[in-house]
Amino acid sequence: MSNSPEKVISTRASLLSRLKHWDDQKSWQDFYDIYSRLIYGAAIKTGLSESEVEDVVQDTIIAVSKAIREFKYQPENCSFKTWLHSITRRQVANQFRKRQGRVLEPLPTPDGDDAESRDIPDPASQALDTTWERDWEQNLFQAATDRVKRRVSPAQFQIFEYLMLQDHTVSETARTLNISAGKVYLAKHRISAQIKSEVAYLRTKYV
């Protein structure tokens, strides 16, 4: 899948623009489906409890919905990925403040400045900051895999899952599922190609 820089920027800006409309339920559902898991995974690493992490996810989504109208797509200054990290970090900081009986939830700024959240205790702060990039990439792959899974047959995805996601060999997969090695290779090729294409597509939506 190939996109020119101009087309990629246009696609991203277009989707971010659609999120600015409260009544665009499809875009907001896409956003939640793709990024709630990322936010959850980042927050849980900071040492917050399950309920606190769930609050972080909810509060981050709410904060994005409130601040998205002011966000301007200017990747050279602040990417969406950096902006979302900033908002997530602030909401994690709020949960630690709540433990101390104080709450401060400033509106996230479009430039990604998160000076207000610097009181997150270490190593919690480091856990959130150092793994964000890796978590972002893993989340894109998982989101792409989930979307492809809904499009292909259960039998095809079972082959791919057993081979690639559960890390079995082709011969093990063929023997366990009672199919030929050719079918295993075919499922691997087709679904891997679709996931790769889906990851590329998702990259054009948010960065």
C-alpha atoms as a PDB file:
ATOM      1  CA  MET A   1       0.000   0.000   0.000  1.00  0.00           C
ATOM      2  CA  SER A   2       1.557   3.290  -1.076  1.00  0.00           C
ATOM      3  CA  ASN A   3       0.509   6.805  -0.206  1.00  0.00           C
ATOM      4  CA  SER A   4       2.088  10.096  -1.143  1.00  0.00           C
ATOM      5  CA  PRO A   5       2.987  12.389   1.796  1.00  0.00           C
ATOM      6  CA  GLU A   6       0.301  14.811   0.674  1.00  0.00           C
ATOM      7  CA  LYS A   7      -2.391  12.089   0.607  1.00  0.00           C
ATOM      8  CA  VAL A   8      -1.350  10.720   4.013  1.00  0.00           C
ATOM      9  CA  ILE A   9      -1.498  14.162   5.620  1.00  0.00           C
ATOM     10  CA  SER A  10      -4.870  14.817   4.003  1.00  0.00           C
ATOM     11  CA  THR A  11      -6.298  11.511   5.271  1.00  0.00           C
ATOM     12  CA  ARG A  12      -5.085  12.071   8.809  1.00  0.00           C
ATOM     13  CA  ALA A  13      -6.285  15.639   8.907  1.00  0.00           C
ATOM     14  CA  SER A  14      -9.657  14.574   7.510  1.00  0.00           C
ATOM     15  CA  LEU A  15     -10.239  11.930  10.190  1.00  0.00           C
ATOM     16  CA  LEU A  16      -9.090  14.210  12.994  1.00  0.00           C
ATOM     17  CA  SER A  17     -11.464  16.803  11.621  1.00  0.00           C
ATOM     18  CA  ARG A  18     -14.339  14.314  11.781  1.00  0.00           C
ATOM     19  CA  LEU A  19     -13.580  13.603  15.435  1.00  0.00           C
ATOM     20  CA  LYS A  20     -14.340  17.245  16.154  1.00  0.00           C
ATOM     21  CA  HIS A  21     -18.010  16.518  15.544  1.00  0.00           C
ATOM     22  CA  TRP A  22     -19.756  14.922  18.525  1.00  0.00           C
ATOM     23  CA  ASP A  23     -22.386  13.324  16.303  1.00  0.00           C
ATOM     24  CA  ASP A  24     -19.852  11.358  14.248  1.00  0.00           C
ATOM     25  CA  GLN A  25     -20.325   8.155  16.231  1.00  0.00           C
ATOM     26  CA  LYS A  26     -18.484   5.979  13.707  1.00  0.00           C
ATOM     27  CA  SER A  27     -15.260   7.967  13.965  1.00  0.00           C
ATOM     28  CA  TRP A  28     -15.445   8.063  17.743  1.00  0.00           C
ATOM     29  CA  GLN A  29     -16.120   4.316  17.910  1.00  0.00           C
ATOM     30  CA  ASP A  30     -13.115   3.709  15.651  1.00  0.00           C
ATOM     31  CA  PHE A  31     -11.008   5.882  17.912  1.00  0.00           C
ATOM     32  CA  TYR A  32     -12.160   4.039  21.034  1.00  0.00           C
ATOM     33  CA  ASP A  33     -11.706   0.600  19.491  1.00  0.00           C
ATOM     34  CA  ILE A  34      -8.163   1.400  18.402  1.00  0.00           C
ATOM     35  CA  TYR A  35      -6.835   3.436  21.307  1.00  0.00           C
ATOM     36  CA  SER A  36      -8.606   2.412  24.514  1.00  0.00           C
ATOM     37  CA  ARG A  37      -6.374  -0.658  24.708  1.00  0.00           C
ATOM     38  CA  LEU A  38      -3.251   1.467  24.162  1.00  0.00           C
ATOM     39  CA  ILE A  39      -4.243   3.876  26.936  1.00  0.00           C
ATOM     40  CA  TYR A  40      -5.098   0.995  29.263  1.00  0.00           C
ATOM     41  CA  GLY A  41      -1.802  -0.774  28.605  1.00  0.00           C
ATOM     42  CA  ALA A  42       0.231   2.381  29.169  1.00  0.00           C
ATOM     43  CA  ALA A  43      -1.577   3.275  32.387  1.00  0.00           C
ATOM     44  CA  ILE A  44      -1.406  -0.178  33.972  1.00  0.00           C
ATOM     45  CA  LYS A  45       2.394  -0.088  33.758  1.00  0.00           C
ATOM     46  CA  THR A  46       2.537   2.937  36.034  1.00  0.00           C
ATOM     47  CA  GLY A  47       1.360   0.957  39.061  1.00  0.00           C
ATOM     48  CA  LEU A  48      -2.226   2.171  39.169  1.00  0.00           C
ATOM     49  CA  SER A  49      -4.964  -0.223  40.231  1.00  0.00           C
ATOM     50  CA  GLU A  50      -7.410  -1.793  37.778  1.00  0.00           C
ATOM     51  CA  SER A  51     -10.167   0.654  38.694  1.00  0.00           C
ATOM     52  CA  GLU A  52      -7.796   3.625  38.498  1.00  0.00           C
ATOM     53  CA  VAL A  53      -6.631   2.522  35.052  1.00  0.00           C
ATOM     54  CA  GLU A  54     -10.231   2.209  33.871  1.00  0.00           C
ATOM     55  CA  ASP A  55     -10.757   5.785  35.055  1.00  0.00           C
ATOM     56  CA  VAL A  56      -7.662   6.865  33.113  1.00  0.00           C
ATOM     57  CA  VAL A  57      -9.088   5.339  29.922  1.00  0.00           C
ATOM     58  CA  GLN A  58     -12.476   6.986  30.433  1.00  0.00           C
ATOM     59  CA  ASP A  59     -11.032  10.353  31.431  1.00  0.00           C
ATOM     60  CA  THR A  60      -8.539  10.357  28.556  1.00  0.00           C
ATOM     61  CA  ILE A  61     -11.269   9.724  25.992  1.00  0.00           C
ATOM     62  CA  ILE A  62     -13.371  12.488  27.544  1.00  0.00           C
ATOM     63  CA  ALA A  63     -10.389  14.862  27.593  1.00  0.00           C
ATOM     64  CA  VAL A  64      -9.672  14.126  23.922  1.00  0.00           C
ATOM     65  CA  SER A  65     -13.290  14.813  23.020  1.00  0.00           C
ATOM     66  CA  LYS A  66     -13.161  18.163  24.823  1.00  0.00           C
ATOM     67  CA  ALA A  67      -9.805  19.250  23.429  1.00  0.00           C
ATOM     68  CA  ILE A  68      -9.984  17.894  19.875  1.00  0.00           C
ATOM     69  CA  ARG A  69     -11.681  21.046  18.606  1.00  0.00           C
ATOM     70  CA  GLU A  70      -8.545  22.993  19.468  1.00  0.00           C
ATOM     71  CA  PHE A  71      -6.117  20.437  18.067  1.00  0.00           C
ATOM     72  CA  LYS A  72      -4.543  21.456  14.785  1.00  0.00           C
ATOM     73  CA  TYR A  73      -2.869  18.794  12.677  1.00  0.00           C
ATOM     74  CA  GLN A  74       0.697  20.102  12.507  1.00  0.00           C
ATOM     75  CA  PRO A  75       2.937  17.020  12.638  1.00  0.00           C
ATOM     76  CA  GLU A  76       6.080  19.125  12.411  1.00  0.00           C
ATOM     77  CA  ASN A  77       5.148  20.739  15.757  1.00  0.00           C
ATOM     78  CA  CYS A  78       3.136  18.123  17.621  1.00  0.00           C
ATOM     79  CA  SER A  79       1.928  14.803  16.224  1.00  0.00           C
ATOM     80  CA  PHE A  80      -1.348  13.246  17.292  1.00  0.00           C
ATOM     81  CA  LYS A  81       0.644  10.421  18.893  1.00  0.00           C
ATOM     82  CA  THR A  82       2.564  12.910  21.058  1.00  0.00           C
ATOM     83  CA  TRP A  83      -0.630  14.790  21.894  1.00  0.00           C
ATOM     84  CA  LEU A  84      -2.444  11.637  23.000  1.00  0.00           C
ATOM     85  CA  HIS A  85       0.571  10.642  25.099  1.00  0.00           C
ATOM     86  CA  SER A  86       0.435  14.025  26.801  1.00  0.00           C
ATOM     87  CA  ILE A  87      -3.262  13.652  27.603  1.00  0.00           C
ATOM     88  CA  THR A  88      -2.826  10.096  28.887  1.00  0.00           C
ATOM     89  CA  ARG A  89       0.074  11.221  31.074  1.00  0.00           C
ATOM     90  CA  ARG A  90      -2.042  13.986  32.589  1.00  0.00           C
ATOM     91  CA  GLN A  91      -4.846  11.570  33.425  1.00  0.00           C
ATOM     92  CA  VAL A  92      -2.398   9.152  35.050  1.00  0.00           C
ATOM     93  CA  ALA A  93      -1.065  12.058  37.102  1.00  0.00           C
ATOM     94  CA  ASN A  94      -4.623  12.908  38.151  1.00  0.00           C
ATOM     95  CA  GLN A  95      -5.088   9.409  39.556  1.00  0.00           C
ATOM     96  CA  PHE A  96      -1.957   9.751  41.677  1.00  0.00           C
ATOM     97  CA  ARG A  97      -3.195  13.153  42.849  1.00  0.00           C
ATOM     98  CA  LYS A  98      -6.516  11.591  43.843  1.00  0.00           C
ATOM     99  CA  ARG A  99      -4.613   9.184  46.081  1.00  0.00           C
ATOM    100  CA  GLN A 100      -3.273  12.250  47.869  1.00  0.00           C
ATOM    101  CA  GLY A 101      -6.687  13.854  48.088  1.00  0.00           C
ATOM    102  CA  ARG A 102      -6.109  16.501  45.471  1.00  0.00           C
ATOM    103  CA  VAL A 103      -7.319  16.716  41.888  1.00  0.00           C
ATOM    104  CA  LEU A 104      -6.094  18.931  39.090  1.00  0.00           C
ATOM    105  CA  GLU A 105      -7.218  18.251  35.552  1.00  0.00           C
ATOM    106  CA  PRO A 106      -6.040  21.025  33.237  1.00  0.00           C
ATOM    107  CA  LEU A 107      -7.316  20.987  29.688  1.00  0.00           C
ATOM    108  CA  PRO A 108      -4.705  19.335  27.457  1.00  0.00           C
ATOM    109  CA  THR A 109      -3.063  21.844  25.170  1.00  0.00           C
ATOM    110  CA  PRO A 110      -2.692  21.260  21.429  1.00  0.00           C
ATOM    111  CA  ASP A 111       1.084  21.700  21.588  1.00  0.00           C
ATOM    112  CA  GLY A 112       1.493  18.609  23.750  1.00  0.00           C
ATOM    113  CA  ASP A 113       2.959  20.463  26.748  1.00  0.00           C
ATOM    114  CA  ASP A 114       2.506  18.264  29.800  1.00  0.00           C
ATOM    115  CA  ALA A 115       4.360  20.228  32.453  1.00  0.00           C
ATOM    116  CA  GLU A 116       1.392  19.847  34.815  1.00  0.00           C
ATOM    117  CA  SER A 117       1.831  16.062  34.892  1.00  0.00           C
ATOM    118  CA  ARG A 118       5.460  15.957  35.956  1.00  0.00           C
ATOM    119  CA  ASP A 119       4.581  14.926  39.485  1.00  0.00           C
ATOM    120  CA  ILE A 120       3.839  11.344  38.428  1.00  0.00           C
ATOM    121  CA  PRO A 121       6.001   9.262  40.775  1.00  0.00           C
ATOM    122  CA  ASP A 122       9.014   7.507  39.325  1.00  0.00           C
ATOM    123  CA  PRO A 123       9.329   4.819  38.100  1.00  0.00           C
ATOM    124  CA  ALA A 124       5.692   5.308  37.037  1.00  0.00           C
ATOM    125  CA  SER A 125       6.607   8.282  34.873  1.00  0.00           C
ATOM    126  CA  GLN A 126       9.422   6.385  33.188  1.00  0.00           C
ATOM    127  CA  ALA A 127       7.179   3.378  32.584  1.00  0.00           C
ATOM    128  CA  LEU A 128       4.685   5.545  30.730  1.00  0.00           C
ATOM    129  CA  ASP A 129       7.229   7.524  28.731  1.00  0.00           C
ATOM    130  CA  THR A 130       9.713   4.849  27.707  1.00  0.00           C
ATOM    131  CA  THR A 131       7.196   2.294  26.442  1.00  0.00           C
ATOM    132  CA  TRP A 132       4.748   4.596  24.646  1.00  0.00           C
ATOM    133  CA  GLU A 133       6.365   4.254  21.212  1.00  0.00           C
ATOM    134  CA  ARG A 134       6.582   0.471  21.456  1.00  0.00           C
ATOM    135  CA  ASP A 135       3.051   0.194  22.827  1.00  0.00           C
ATOM    136  CA  TRP A 136       1.800   2.414  19.992  1.00  0.00           C
ATOM    137  CA  GLU A 137       3.286   0.076  17.390  1.00  0.00           C
ATOM    138  CA  GLN A 138       1.986  -3.065  19.108  1.00  0.00           C
ATOM    139  CA  ASN A 139      -1.441  -1.512  19.406  1.00  0.00           C
ATOM    140  CA  LEU A 140      -1.511  -0.692  15.691  1.00  0.00           C
ATOM    141  CA  PHE A 141      -0.686  -4.310  14.868  1.00  0.00           C
ATOM    142  CA  GLN A 142      -3.336  -5.659  17.239  1.00  0.00           C
ATOM    143  CA  ALA A 143      -5.969  -3.245  15.959  1.00  0.00           C
ATOM    144  CA  ALA A 144      -5.138  -4.212  12.373  1.00  0.00           C
ATOM    145  CA  THR A 145      -5.283  -7.910  13.249  1.00  0.00           C
ATOM    146  CA  ASP A 146      -8.687  -7.504  14.911  1.00  0.00           C
ATOM    147  CA  ARG A 147     -10.068  -5.695  11.876  1.00  0.00           C
ATOM    148  CA  VAL A 148      -8.767  -8.324   9.461  1.00  0.00           C
ATOM    149  CA  LYS A 149     -10.127 -11.118  11.664  1.00  0.00           C
ATOM    150  CA  ARG A 150     -13.631  -9.755  11.180  1.00  0.00           C
ATOM    151  CA  ARG A 151     -13.214  -9.898   7.394  1.00  0.00           C
ATOM    152  CA  VAL A 152     -11.770 -13.355   6.831  1.00  0.00           C
ATOM    153  CA  SER A 153     -13.266 -16.779   7.462  1.00  0.00           C
ATOM    154  CA  PRO A 154     -12.855 -18.284  10.952  1.00  0.00           C
ATOM    155  CA  ALA A 155     -11.043 -21.262   9.445  1.00  0.00           C
ATOM    156  CA  GLN A 156      -8.494 -19.042   7.668  1.00  0.00           C
ATOM    157  CA  PHE A 157      -7.833 -16.965  10.748  1.00  0.00           C
ATOM    158  CA  GLN A 158      -7.485 -20.088  12.915  1.00  0.00           C
ATOM    159  CA  ILE A 159      -4.638 -21.217  10.679  1.00  0.00           C
ATOM    160  CA  PHE A 160      -2.934 -17.832  10.842  1.00  0.00           C
ATOM    161  CA  GLU A 161      -3.428 -17.541  14.595  1.00  0.00           C
ATOM    162  CA  TYR A 162      -2.019 -20.995  15.339  1.00  0.00           C
ATOM    163  CA  LEU A 163       0.950 -20.468  13.039  1.00  0.00           C
ATOM    164  CA  MET A 164       1.883 -16.824  13.550  1.00  0.00           C
ATOM    165  CA  LEU A 165       0.332 -15.641  16.806  1.00  0.00           C
ATOM    166  CA  GLN A 166       0.876 -18.844  18.762  1.00  0.00           C
ATOM    167  CA  ASP A 167       4.278 -19.385  17.151  1.00  0.00           C
ATOM    168  CA  HIS A 168       3.951 -22.914  15.773  1.00  0.00           C
ATOM    169  CA  THR A 169       5.745 -24.316  12.744  1.00  0.00           C
ATOM    170  CA  VAL A 170       4.037 -24.973   9.427  1.00  0.00           C
ATOM    171  CA  SER A 171       4.224 -28.720   9.977  1.00  0.00           C
ATOM    172  CA  GLU A 172       2.796 -28.442  13.490  1.00  0.00           C
ATOM    173  CA  THR A 173      -0.037 -26.269  12.222  1.00  0.00           C
ATOM    174  CA  ALA A 174      -0.855 -28.599   9.348  1.00  0.00           C
ATOM    175  CA  ARG A 175      -0.802 -31.658  11.584  1.00  0.00           C
ATOM    176  CA  THR A 176      -2.867 -30.115  14.393  1.00  0.00           C
ATOM    177  CA  LEU A 177      -5.505 -28.640  12.095  1.00  0.00           C
ATOM    178  CA  ASN A 178      -5.446 -31.619   9.741  1.00  0.00           C
ATOM    179  CA  ILE A 179      -4.771 -29.598   6.612  1.00  0.00           C
ATOM    180  CA  SER A 180      -2.054 -29.496   3.984  1.00  0.00           C
ATOM    181  CA  ALA A 181       1.074 -27.386   4.337  1.00  0.00           C
ATOM    182  CA  GLY A 182      -0.025 -25.575   1.191  1.00  0.00           C
ATOM    183  CA  LYS A 183      -3.163 -24.311   2.910  1.00  0.00           C
ATOM    184  CA  VAL A 184      -1.075 -23.127   5.837  1.00  0.00           C
ATOM    185  CA  TYR A 185       1.260 -21.137   3.583  1.00  0.00           C
ATOM    186  CA  LEU A 186      -1.696 -19.703   1.677  1.00  0.00           C
ATOM    187  CA  ALA A 187      -3.473 -18.522   4.838  1.00  0.00           C
ATOM    188  CA  LYS A 188      -0.227 -17.054   6.162  1.00  0.00           C
ATOM    189  CA  HIS A 189       0.424 -15.131   2.958  1.00  0.00           C
ATOM    190  CA  ARG A 190      -3.113 -13.803   2.520  1.00  0.00           C
ATOM    191  CA  ILE A 191      -3.741 -12.723   6.106  1.00  0.00           C
ATOM    192  CA  SER A 192      -0.229 -11.340   6.657  1.00  0.00           C
ATOM    193  CA  ALA A 193      -0.659  -9.198   3.547  1.00  0.00           C
ATOM    194  CA  GLN A 194      -4.037  -7.927   4.749  1.00  0.00           C
ATOM    195  CA  ILE A 195      -2.689  -7.085   8.204  1.00  0.00           C
ATOM    196  CA  LYS A 196       0.276  -5.260   6.685  1.00  0.00           C
ATOM    197  CA  SER A 197      -2.081  -3.269   4.498  1.00  0.00           C
ATOM    198  CA  GLU A 198      -4.353  -2.520   7.455  1.00  0.00           C
ATOM    199  CA  VAL A 199      -1.439  -1.320   9.594  1.00  0.00           C
ATOM    200  CA  ALA A 200      -0.408   1.021   6.779  1.00  0.00           C
ATOM    201  CA  TYR A 201      -3.984   2.281   6.530  1.00  0.00           C
ATOM    202  CA  LEU A 202      -4.207   2.934  10.268  1.00  0.00           C
ATOM    203  CA  ARG A 203      -0.947   4.854  10.115  1.00  0.00           C
ATOM    204  CA  THR A 204      -2.628   7.244   7.686  1.00  0.00           C
ATOM    205  CA  LYS A 205      -5.388   7.927  10.213  1.00  0.00           C
ATOM    206  CA  TYR A 206      -3.470   8.865  13.355  1.00  0.00           C
ATOM    207  CA  VAL A 207       0.193   9.559  14.019  1.00  0.00           C
END
